[in-house]
Amino acid sequence: MLKDSAPRIWRMRNNLYRIRYSKCKACGASFYPARASCIRCSSRDVEVRVSLGLGTLVEYTVLYQVPARMQDNAPMVIGVVRLDEGFELYGVIVDADIKDLR
Protein backbone atom coordinates (compact mmCIF):
# COMPACT_ATOMS: atom_id res chain seq x y z
CA MET A 1 0.00 0.00 0.00
CA LEU A 2 1.30 3.44 -0.91
CA LYS A 3 1.90 5.91 1.85
CA ASP A 4 0.40 9.34 1.42
CA SER A 5 3.04 11.91 0.63
CA ALA A 6 2.69 15.66 0.27
CA PRO A 7 3.11 15.53 -3.55
CA ARG A 8 0.54 12.72 -3.88
CA ILE A 9 -2.00 14.56 -1.71
CA TRP A 10 -1.40 17.74 -3.74
CA ARG A 11 -2.11 15.86 -6.99
CA MET A 12 -5.30 14.34 -5.53
CA ARG A 13 -6.57 17.54 -3.86
CA ASN A 14 -9.45 18.02 -6.31
CA ASN A 15 -10.85 14.60 -5.42
CA LEU A 16 -10.03 14.70 -1.71
CA TYR A 17 -11.29 18.14 -0.76
CA ARG A 18 -14.24 18.73 -3.07
CA ILE A 19 -17.69 17.19 -3.24
CA ARG A 20 -18.02 15.99 -6.83
CA TYR A 21 -21.54 14.99 -7.87
CA SER A 22 -23.43 14.24 -11.07
CA LYS A 23 -26.33 16.18 -12.56
CA CYS A 24 -28.50 14.55 -15.21
CA LYS A 25 -29.14 16.74 -18.25
CA ALA A 26 -32.20 14.66 -19.19
CA CYS A 27 -34.25 14.73 -15.96
CA GLY A 28 -32.37 17.22 -13.76
CA ALA A 29 -31.59 14.78 -10.92
CA SER A 30 -28.50 15.41 -8.80
CA PHE A 31 -26.74 12.55 -7.07
CA TYR A 32 -23.66 11.76 -5.04
CA PRO A 33 -21.24 10.17 -5.56
CA ALA A 34 -20.72 11.06 -9.20
CA ARG A 35 -21.74 8.32 -11.65
CA ALA A 36 -21.66 7.79 -15.40
CA SER A 37 -25.44 7.27 -15.66
CA CYS A 38 -28.48 8.77 -13.94
CA ILE A 39 -29.89 6.85 -10.98
CA ARG A 40 -33.41 8.15 -11.75
CA CYS A 41 -33.83 7.80 -15.54
CA SER A 42 -30.70 5.79 -16.52
CA SER A 43 -29.62 8.46 -19.03
CA ARG A 44 -25.90 8.61 -19.74
CA ASP A 45 -26.17 12.34 -20.44
CA VAL A 46 -24.77 13.47 -17.09
CA GLU A 47 -22.15 15.99 -16.13
CA VAL A 48 -19.86 16.00 -13.11
CA ARG A 49 -20.04 19.15 -11.03
CA VAL A 50 -18.43 20.44 -7.84
CA SER A 51 -20.75 21.31 -4.96
CA LEU A 52 -20.52 24.66 -3.24
CA GLY A 53 -20.82 22.76 0.04
CA LEU A 54 -23.81 24.72 1.31
CA GLY A 55 -26.85 22.99 2.73
CA THR A 56 -29.09 22.21 5.67
CA LEU A 57 -28.47 19.80 8.53
CA VAL A 58 -31.41 17.38 8.32
CA GLU A 59 -30.62 14.99 11.18
CA TYR A 60 -27.79 14.37 13.58
CA THR A 61 -26.79 12.29 16.54
CA VAL A 62 -24.12 12.81 19.16
CA LEU A 63 -21.80 9.91 19.97
CA TYR A 64 -20.42 10.12 23.48
CA GLN A 65 -18.94 6.62 23.44
CA VAL A 66 -16.49 6.26 20.59
CA PRO A 67 -13.76 3.69 19.84
CA ALA A 68 -10.61 4.03 21.92
CA ARG A 69 -8.57 5.34 18.99
CA MET A 70 -11.07 8.22 18.58
CA GLN A 71 -11.33 9.34 22.21
CA ASP A 72 -9.73 12.68 21.36
CA ASN A 73 -12.75 13.44 19.14
CA ALA A 74 -15.48 12.63 21.69
CA PRO A 75 -18.21 13.68 21.69
CA MET A 76 -18.57 13.16 17.93
CA VAL A 77 -21.48 14.43 15.84
CA ILE A 78 -22.67 12.36 12.87
CA GLY A 79 -25.23 14.00 10.60
CA VAL A 80 -27.15 14.03 7.33
CA VAL A 81 -26.85 17.21 5.25
CA ARG A 82 -29.14 18.10 2.35
CA LEU A 83 -26.97 20.15 0.02
CA ASP A 84 -28.41 23.02 -2.00
CA GLU A 85 -27.71 21.07 -5.21
CA GLY A 86 -30.45 18.58 -4.25
CA PHE A 87 -28.78 15.49 -2.78
CA GLU A 88 -27.98 14.30 0.73
CA LEU A 89 -24.81 12.98 2.25
CA TYR A 90 -23.78 11.96 5.73
CA GLY A 91 -20.61 12.22 7.71
CA VAL A 92 -18.91 13.67 10.74
CA ILE A 93 -19.95 17.24 11.49
CA VAL A 94 -16.88 19.29 12.42
CA ASP A 95 -16.19 22.89 13.38
CA ALA A 96 -19.62 23.26 15.00
CA ASP A 97 -20.62 23.59 18.64
CA ILE A 98 -23.11 20.87 19.62
CA LYS A 99 -25.39 23.36 21.38
CA ASP A 100 -25.71 25.39 18.15
CA LEU A 101 -26.96 22.46 16.03
CA ARG A 102 -30.66 22.32 15.14
C-alpha atoms as a PDB file:
ATOM      1  CA  MET A   1       0.000   0.000   0.000  1.00  0.00           C
ATOM      2  CA  LEU A   2       1.302   3.439  -0.909  1.00  0.00           C
ATOM      3  CA  LYS A   3       1.901   5.910   1.848  1.00  0.00           C
ATOM      4  CA  ASP A   4       0.403   9.345   1.421  1.00  0.00           C
ATOM      5  CA  SER A   5       3.044  11.906   0.633  1.00  0.00           C
ATOM      6  CA  ALA A   6       2.690  15.664   0.269  1.00  0.00           C
ATOM      7  CA  PRO A   7       3.110  15.531  -3.546  1.00  0.00           C
ATOM      8  CA  ARG A   8       0.536  12.725  -3.878  1.00  0.00           C
ATOM      9  CA  ILE A   9      -1.999  14.562  -1.708  1.00  0.00           C
ATOM     10  CA  TRP A  10      -1.398  17.740  -3.742  1.00  0.00           C
ATOM     11  CA  ARG A  11      -2.111  15.865  -6.992  1.00  0.00           C
ATOM     12  CA  MET A  12      -5.298  14.342  -5.527  1.00  0.00           C
ATOM     13  CA  ARG A  13      -6.568  17.541  -3.855  1.00  0.00           C
ATOM     14  CA  ASN A  14      -9.453  18.020  -6.310  1.00  0.00           C
ATOM     15  CA  ASN A  15     -10.849  14.597  -5.423  1.00  0.00           C
ATOM     16  CA  LEU A  16     -10.028  14.701  -1.715  1.00  0.00           C
ATOM     17  CA  TYR A  17     -11.290  18.140  -0.764  1.00  0.00           C
ATOM     18  CA  ARG A  18     -14.244  18.731  -3.066  1.00  0.00           C
ATOM     19  CA  ILE A  19     -17.690  17.189  -3.242  1.00  0.00           C
ATOM     20  CA  ARG A  20     -18.024  15.995  -6.826  1.00  0.00           C
ATOM     21  CA  TYR A  21     -21.544  14.986  -7.865  1.00  0.00           C
ATOM     22  CA  SER A  22     -23.432  14.241 -11.071  1.00  0.00           C
ATOM     23  CA  LYS A  23     -26.332  16.179 -12.558  1.00  0.00           C
ATOM     24  CA  CYS A  24     -28.501  14.553 -15.209  1.00  0.00           C
ATOM     25  CA  LYS A  25     -29.142  16.737 -18.251  1.00  0.00           C
ATOM     26  CA  ALA A  26     -32.201  14.661 -19.194  1.00  0.00           C
ATOM     27  CA  CYS A  27     -34.251  14.727 -15.960  1.00  0.00           C
ATOM     28  CA  GLY A  28     -32.370  17.216 -13.763  1.00  0.00           C
ATOM     29  CA  ALA A  29     -31.589  14.781 -10.920  1.00  0.00           C
ATOM     30  CA  SER A  30     -28.498  15.412  -8.804  1.00  0.00           C
ATOM     31  CA  PHE A  31     -26.743  12.548  -7.071  1.00  0.00           C
ATOM     32  CA  TYR A  32     -23.665  11.757  -5.040  1.00  0.00           C
ATOM     33  CA  PRO A  33     -21.235  10.170  -5.557  1.00  0.00           C
ATOM     34  CA  ALA A  34     -20.725  11.064  -9.200  1.00  0.00           C
ATOM     35  CA  ARG A  35     -21.737   8.323 -11.649  1.00  0.00           C
ATOM     36  CA  ALA A  36     -21.662   7.787 -15.401  1.00  0.00           C
ATOM     37  CA  SER A  37     -25.440   7.274 -15.658  1.00  0.00           C
ATOM     38  CA  CYS A  38     -28.475   8.773 -13.938  1.00  0.00           C
ATOM     39  CA  ILE A  39     -29.893   6.851 -10.980  1.00  0.00           C
ATOM     40  CA  ARG A  40     -33.413   8.151 -11.745  1.00  0.00           C
ATOM     41  CA  CYS A  41     -33.831   7.802 -15.537  1.00  0.00           C
ATOM     42  CA  SER A  42     -30.695   5.791 -16.523  1.00  0.00           C
ATOM     43  CA  SER A  43     -29.619   8.459 -19.025  1.00  0.00           C
ATOM     44  CA  ARG A  44     -25.905   8.612 -19.739  1.00  0.00           C
ATOM     45  CA  ASP A  45     -26.173  12.339 -20.442  1.00  0.00           C
ATOM     46  CA  VAL A  46     -24.772  13.471 -17.089  1.00  0.00           C
ATOM     47  CA  GLU A  47     -22.145  15.995 -16.128  1.00  0.00           C
ATOM     48  CA  VAL A  48     -19.855  16.001 -13.112  1.00  0.00           C
ATOM     49  CA  ARG A  49     -20.039  19.153 -11.027  1.00  0.00           C
ATOM     50  CA  VAL A  50     -18.428  20.439  -7.843  1.00  0.00           C
ATOM     51  CA  SER A  51     -20.752  21.307  -4.962  1.00  0.00           C
ATOM     52  CA  LEU A  52     -20.516  24.663  -3.244  1.00  0.00           C
ATOM     53  CA  GLY A  53     -20.815  22.756   0.039  1.00  0.00           C
ATOM     54  CA  LEU A  54     -23.810  24.724   1.313  1.00  0.00           C
ATOM     55  CA  GLY A  55     -26.847  22.988   2.734  1.00  0.00           C
ATOM     56  CA  THR A  56     -29.090  22.206   5.675  1.00  0.00           C
ATOM     57  CA  LEU A  57     -28.466  19.800   8.526  1.00  0.00           C
ATOM     58  CA  VAL A  58     -31.409  17.379   8.315  1.00  0.00           C
ATOM     59  CA  GLU A  59     -30.625  14.995  11.177  1.00  0.00           C
ATOM     60  CA  TYR A  60     -27.791  14.371  13.577  1.00  0.00           C
ATOM     61  CA  THR A  61     -26.793  12.289  16.540  1.00  0.00           C
ATOM     62  CA  VAL A  62     -24.120  12.810  19.158  1.00  0.00           C
ATOM     63  CA  LEU A  63     -21.803   9.911  19.968  1.00  0.00           C
ATOM     64  CA  TYR A  64     -20.425  10.115  23.482  1.00  0.00           C
ATOM     65  CA  GLN A  65     -18.941   6.618  23.440  1.00  0.00           C
ATOM     66  CA  VAL A  66     -16.486   6.264  20.593  1.00  0.00           C
ATOM     67  CA  PRO A  67     -13.763   3.690  19.837  1.00  0.00           C
ATOM     68  CA  ALA A  68     -10.609   4.026  21.920  1.00  0.00           C
ATOM     69  CA  ARG A  69      -8.570   5.343  18.989  1.00  0.00           C
ATOM     70  CA  MET A  70     -11.066   8.217  18.579  1.00  0.00           C
ATOM     71  CA  GLN A  71     -11.329   9.339  22.209  1.00  0.00           C
ATOM     72  CA  ASP A  72      -9.733  12.682  21.359  1.00  0.00           C
ATOM     73  CA  ASN A  73     -12.751  13.437  19.136  1.00  0.00           C
ATOM     74  CA  ALA A  74     -15.480  12.631  21.689  1.00  0.00           C
ATOM     75  CA  PRO A  75     -18.213  13.678  21.687  1.00  0.00           C
ATOM     76  CA  MET A  76     -18.572  13.160  17.933  1.00  0.00           C
ATOM     77  CA  VAL A  77     -21.476  14.433  15.838  1.00  0.00           C
ATOM     78  CA  ILE A  78     -22.674  12.361  12.867  1.00  0.00           C
ATOM     79  CA  GLY A  79     -25.228  13.996  10.597  1.00  0.00           C
ATOM     80  CA  VAL A  80     -27.146  14.033   7.332  1.00  0.00           C
ATOM     81  CA  VAL A  81     -26.846  17.207   5.252  1.00  0.00           C
ATOM     82  CA  ARG A  82     -29.141  18.104   2.350  1.00  0.00           C
ATOM     83  CA  LEU A  83     -26.975  20.145   0.016  1.00  0.00           C
ATOM     84  CA  ASP A  84     -28.408  23.018  -2.002  1.00  0.00           C
ATOM     85  CA  GLU A  85     -27.709  21.065  -5.210  1.00  0.00           C
ATOM     86  CA  GLY A  86     -30.446  18.577  -4.252  1.00  0.00           C
ATOM     87  CA  PHE A  87     -28.779  15.493  -2.779  1.00  0.00           C
ATOM     88  CA  GLU A  88     -27.982  14.305   0.734  1.00  0.00           C
ATOM     89  CA  LEU A  89     -24.812  12.980   2.254  1.00  0.00           C
ATOM     90  CA  TYR A  90     -23.782  11.958   5.728  1.00  0.00           C
ATOM     91  CA  GLY A  91     -20.607  12.221   7.711  1.00  0.00           C
ATOM     92  CA  VAL A  92     -18.908  13.666  10.743  1.00  0.00           C
ATOM     93  CA  ILE A  93     -19.949  17.243  11.491  1.00  0.00           C
ATOM     94  CA  VAL A  94     -16.878  19.288  12.416  1.00  0.00           C
ATOM     95  CA  ASP A  95     -16.189  22.892  13.384  1.00  0.00           C
ATOM     96  CA  ALA A  96     -19.618  23.263  14.998  1.00  0.00           C
ATOM     97  CA  ASP A  97     -20.616  23.586  18.637  1.00  0.00           C
ATOM     98  CA  ILE A  98     -23.114  20.871  19.622  1.00  0.00           C
ATOM     99  CA  LYS A  99     -25.388  23.356  21.382  1.00  0.00           C
ATOM    100  CA  ASP A 100     -25.707  25.392  18.153  1.00  0.00           C
ATOM    101  CA  LEU A 101     -26.960  22.459  16.032  1.00  0.00           C
ATOM    102  CA  ARG A 102     -30.664  22.324  15.135  1.00  0.00           C
END
